[in-house]
Amino acid sequence: MIRAAGEHGLLVETGSLALSHRLDAALRADRPAGIVEIVPGPESVLVVAPGAEQDRLRARLAAVVEQERGRAGAGAAEEEVVTIPVVYDGADLGSVAELAGISTDEVISRHAGRELVVGWLGFAPGFAYLTGLDPVLETPRLDTPRTSVPAGSVAVAGPYSAVYPTASPGGWRLLGRTSLRVWDVAADPPSLFRPGVRVRFEPA
């Protein structure tokens, strides 16, 4: 389904993260005229196109969705892998271990032992929701968020992991920190992450 989202937006409901990723990649590779922003989500892609004729764009999006839906069984192109070195000394490492019923060493090995995938970006510029977290490490957010979380903090909340790109308030549970800059406004592109990119954490 494709429905209006504000005056200049169209929201394509994809129904799956995999289709959102394929649609996002297809639109960026061959961007229809008038589109100024493409925002993939877990089951949708928002297209902002103030300069486009809406009916024509809606038809184009529907065609691309059907094309990408038909590629569901095809192997996706190999995506780059971003390796994040982590010092696992976070303030919530012990509480995550306690909630999971495992040792802190096992928290570290489970967090660093899986390849995660960037699902989408949101909350703040460069903040990537990393999917594929070991289910044992799924823990709720803090009851009271911190007023400031340092940039580079590596955290988990629910089924996701993340790296805080800048200092900001936050309620995710902190496992550690990285010195790698994942967000740099002077870089092109400014974020190390984009939907579909694979991420590995590595104890530093």
Protein backbone atom coordinates (compact mmCIF):
# COMPACT_ATOMS: atom_id res chain seq x y z
CA MET A 1 0.00 0.00 0.00
CA ILE A 2 1.17 3.52 -0.79
CA ARG A 3 -0.43 6.40 1.07
CA ALA A 4 0.08 10.12 1.42
CA ALA A 5 2.31 11.34 4.25
CA GLY A 6 1.97 15.07 4.63
CA GLU A 7 1.90 17.50 1.73
CA HIS A 8 4.93 16.18 -0.17
CA GLY A 9 5.47 12.62 1.08
CA LEU A 10 4.41 9.12 0.12
CA LEU A 11 4.71 6.23 2.56
CA VAL A 12 5.30 2.86 0.92
CA GLU A 13 4.25 0.05 3.26
CA THR A 14 6.61 -2.81 2.40
CA GLY A 15 5.67 -5.27 5.15
CA SER A 16 9.26 -6.36 5.75
CA LEU A 17 12.69 -4.95 6.51
CA ALA A 18 14.26 -6.88 3.61
CA LEU A 19 11.89 -5.29 1.07
CA SER A 20 12.44 -1.86 2.65
CA HIS A 21 16.18 -2.31 2.10
CA ARG A 22 15.75 -3.43 -1.52
CA LEU A 23 13.36 -0.57 -2.31
CA ASP A 24 15.68 1.96 -0.67
CA ALA A 25 18.66 0.69 -2.69
CA ALA A 26 16.68 0.65 -5.95
CA LEU A 27 15.43 4.21 -5.51
CA ARG A 28 18.90 5.50 -4.65
CA ALA A 29 20.41 3.75 -7.67
CA ASP A 30 17.81 5.22 -10.05
CA ARG A 31 16.22 8.13 -8.22
CA PRO A 32 12.93 9.33 -9.75
CA ALA A 33 12.76 13.05 -10.51
CA GLY A 34 11.61 15.24 -7.65
CA ILE A 35 12.62 12.96 -4.75
CA VAL A 36 14.69 14.83 -2.15
CA GLU A 37 14.64 12.30 0.71
CA ILE A 38 14.28 8.53 1.12
CA VAL A 39 13.79 7.21 4.66
CA PRO A 40 13.59 3.42 5.07
CA GLY A 41 11.97 1.92 8.15
CA PRO A 42 11.37 -1.62 9.43
CA GLU A 43 8.25 -2.12 7.27
CA SER A 44 8.00 1.04 5.20
CA VAL A 45 9.89 3.56 3.10
CA LEU A 46 9.04 7.26 3.27
CA VAL A 47 9.65 9.17 0.05
CA VAL A 48 9.64 12.98 0.19
CA ALA A 49 9.22 14.60 -3.21
CA PRO A 50 8.00 18.21 -3.20
CA GLY A 51 8.89 18.57 -6.90
CA ALA A 52 7.11 15.47 -8.18
CA GLU A 53 3.68 14.86 -9.66
CA GLN A 54 2.17 12.63 -6.99
CA ASP A 55 0.10 10.26 -9.14
CA ARG A 56 2.98 9.62 -11.52
CA LEU A 57 5.39 9.05 -8.64
CA ARG A 58 2.92 6.74 -6.90
CA ALA A 59 2.71 4.60 -10.05
CA ARG A 60 6.51 4.54 -10.35
CA LEU A 61 6.91 3.48 -6.73
CA ALA A 62 4.32 0.73 -7.12
CA ALA A 63 6.22 -0.62 -10.13
CA VAL A 64 9.54 -0.60 -8.26
CA VAL A 65 7.96 -2.34 -5.27
CA GLU A 66 6.62 -5.13 -7.48
CA GLN A 67 10.01 -5.45 -9.18
CA GLU A 68 11.84 -5.73 -5.87
CA ARG A 69 9.21 -8.04 -4.39
CA GLY A 70 9.86 -10.36 -7.32
CA ARG A 71 13.54 -10.41 -6.44
CA ALA A 72 12.81 -11.77 -2.96
CA GLY A 73 14.53 -15.08 -3.70
CA ALA A 74 17.48 -13.52 -5.48
CA GLY A 75 20.76 -13.11 -3.65
CA ALA A 76 21.39 -9.56 -2.56
CA ALA A 77 24.60 -7.85 -3.52
CA GLU A 78 27.38 -8.24 -0.99
CA GLU A 79 27.29 -5.33 1.43
CA GLU A 80 30.29 -3.89 3.18
CA VAL A 81 31.08 -4.91 6.74
CA VAL A 82 31.83 -2.25 9.36
CA THR A 83 33.92 -3.54 12.27
CA ILE A 84 33.48 -1.63 15.55
CA PRO A 85 36.24 -2.03 18.20
CA VAL A 86 34.66 -1.93 21.66
CA VAL A 87 36.01 -1.54 25.17
CA TYR A 88 33.41 -3.48 27.15
CA ASP A 89 33.30 -1.49 30.38
CA GLY A 90 29.81 0.02 30.17
CA ALA A 91 27.84 1.08 33.21
CA ASP A 92 25.08 -1.44 32.46
CA LEU A 93 27.21 -4.45 31.51
CA GLY A 94 26.58 -6.06 34.90
CA SER A 95 22.83 -5.42 34.90
CA VAL A 96 22.47 -6.83 31.38
CA ALA A 97 24.31 -9.95 32.55
CA GLU A 98 22.06 -10.22 35.60
CA LEU A 99 18.87 -9.80 33.57
CA ALA A 100 20.06 -12.38 31.05
CA GLY A 101 21.19 -14.80 33.74
CA ILE A 102 24.71 -15.10 32.33
CA SER A 103 28.19 -13.79 33.13
CA THR A 104 29.57 -10.49 31.85
CA ASP A 105 32.10 -12.43 29.79
CA GLU A 106 29.27 -14.25 28.06
CA VAL A 107 27.45 -10.96 27.41
CA ILE A 108 30.58 -9.75 25.64
CA SER A 109 31.05 -12.95 23.65
CA ARG A 110 27.38 -13.01 22.59
CA HIS A 111 27.40 -9.33 21.61
CA ALA A 112 30.64 -9.63 19.65
CA GLY A 113 29.85 -13.09 18.32
CA ARG A 114 27.09 -12.15 15.88
CA GLU A 115 26.98 -10.14 12.69
CA LEU A 116 24.31 -7.46 12.95
CA VAL A 117 22.63 -5.54 10.14
CA VAL A 118 21.69 -1.86 9.98
CA GLY A 119 17.90 -1.89 9.90
CA TRP A 120 17.24 1.84 9.66
CA LEU A 121 18.42 5.17 11.05
CA GLY A 122 16.39 7.35 13.37
CA PHE A 123 16.14 9.06 16.79
CA ALA A 124 19.18 11.26 15.97
CA PRO A 125 21.39 11.83 12.89
CA GLY A 126 23.58 8.75 12.40
CA PHE A 127 21.80 6.66 15.05
CA ALA A 128 21.45 3.21 13.49
CA TYR A 129 19.15 0.49 14.79
CA LEU A 130 21.20 -2.71 14.44
CA THR A 131 19.12 -5.84 14.01
CA GLY A 132 20.09 -9.46 14.70
CA LEU A 133 21.02 -9.11 18.38
CA ASP A 134 21.35 -12.40 20.26
CA PRO A 135 17.89 -12.87 21.88
CA VAL A 136 19.54 -13.64 25.24
CA LEU A 137 20.74 -10.02 25.35
CA GLU A 138 17.30 -8.49 24.75
CA THR A 139 16.67 -6.23 27.74
CA PRO A 140 14.27 -3.34 28.36
CA ARG A 141 15.33 0.27 28.28
CA LEU A 142 16.19 1.95 31.56
CA ASP A 143 13.19 3.10 33.58
CA THR A 144 14.78 6.56 33.80
CA PRO A 145 16.84 7.62 30.76
CA ARG A 146 20.23 9.25 31.31
CA THR A 147 20.37 12.97 30.62
CA SER A 148 23.58 12.50 28.63
CA VAL A 149 25.17 9.45 27.01
CA PRO A 150 28.69 9.98 25.60
CA ALA A 151 29.30 9.71 21.86
CA GLY A 152 30.64 6.27 20.95
CA SER A 153 28.67 4.45 23.63
CA VAL A 154 27.71 0.92 22.55
CA ALA A 155 24.32 -0.10 23.87
CA VAL A 156 21.40 -2.53 23.70
CA ALA A 157 17.66 -2.14 24.16
CA GLY A 158 14.96 -4.61 23.25
CA PRO A 159 16.04 -6.58 20.15
CA TYR A 160 18.50 -3.91 18.96
CA SER A 161 22.05 -2.71 19.49
CA ALA A 162 23.40 0.73 18.63
CA VAL A 163 26.35 3.09 18.78
CA TYR A 164 25.49 6.58 20.00
CA PRO A 165 26.80 8.86 17.22
CA THR A 166 26.85 11.99 19.37
CA ALA A 167 26.37 12.84 23.05
CA SER A 168 22.63 12.82 23.76
CA PRO A 169 20.04 11.75 26.31
CA GLY A 170 19.27 8.04 26.15
CA GLY A 171 17.74 5.10 27.93
CA TRP A 172 19.57 2.21 26.27
CA ARG A 173 21.76 -0.05 28.41
CA LEU A 174 25.46 0.69 27.98
CA LEU A 175 27.78 -2.25 27.31
CA GLY A 176 30.91 -0.32 26.38
CA ARG A 177 32.43 2.35 24.17
CA THR A 178 34.23 2.72 20.89
CA SER A 179 36.73 5.33 19.71
CA LEU A 180 35.53 4.90 16.12
CA ARG A 181 33.60 7.91 14.85
CA VAL A 182 30.39 6.64 13.32
CA TRP A 183 29.08 10.14 12.54
CA ASP A 184 31.13 12.99 11.08
CA VAL A 185 29.39 15.96 9.47
CA ALA A 186 32.57 16.76 7.52
CA ALA A 187 32.71 13.29 5.93
CA ASP A 188 30.96 12.16 2.76
CA PRO A 189 28.77 10.38 3.64
CA PRO A 190 28.65 11.59 7.26
CA SER A 191 27.47 8.22 8.63
CA LEU A 192 29.33 4.91 8.57
CA PHE A 193 25.96 3.19 8.54
CA ARG A 194 23.27 2.81 5.91
CA PRO A 195 20.40 0.34 5.74
CA GLY A 196 21.61 -3.17 4.93
CA VAL A 197 25.23 -2.66 6.00
CA ARG A 198 26.56 -5.48 8.16
CA VAL A 199 28.21 -4.65 11.50
CA ARG A 200 30.56 -6.65 13.69
CA PHE A 201 31.62 -5.68 17.20
CA GLU A 202 35.12 -6.66 18.24
CA PRO A 203 36.52 -6.50 21.81
CA ALA A 204 39.34 -3.92 21.87
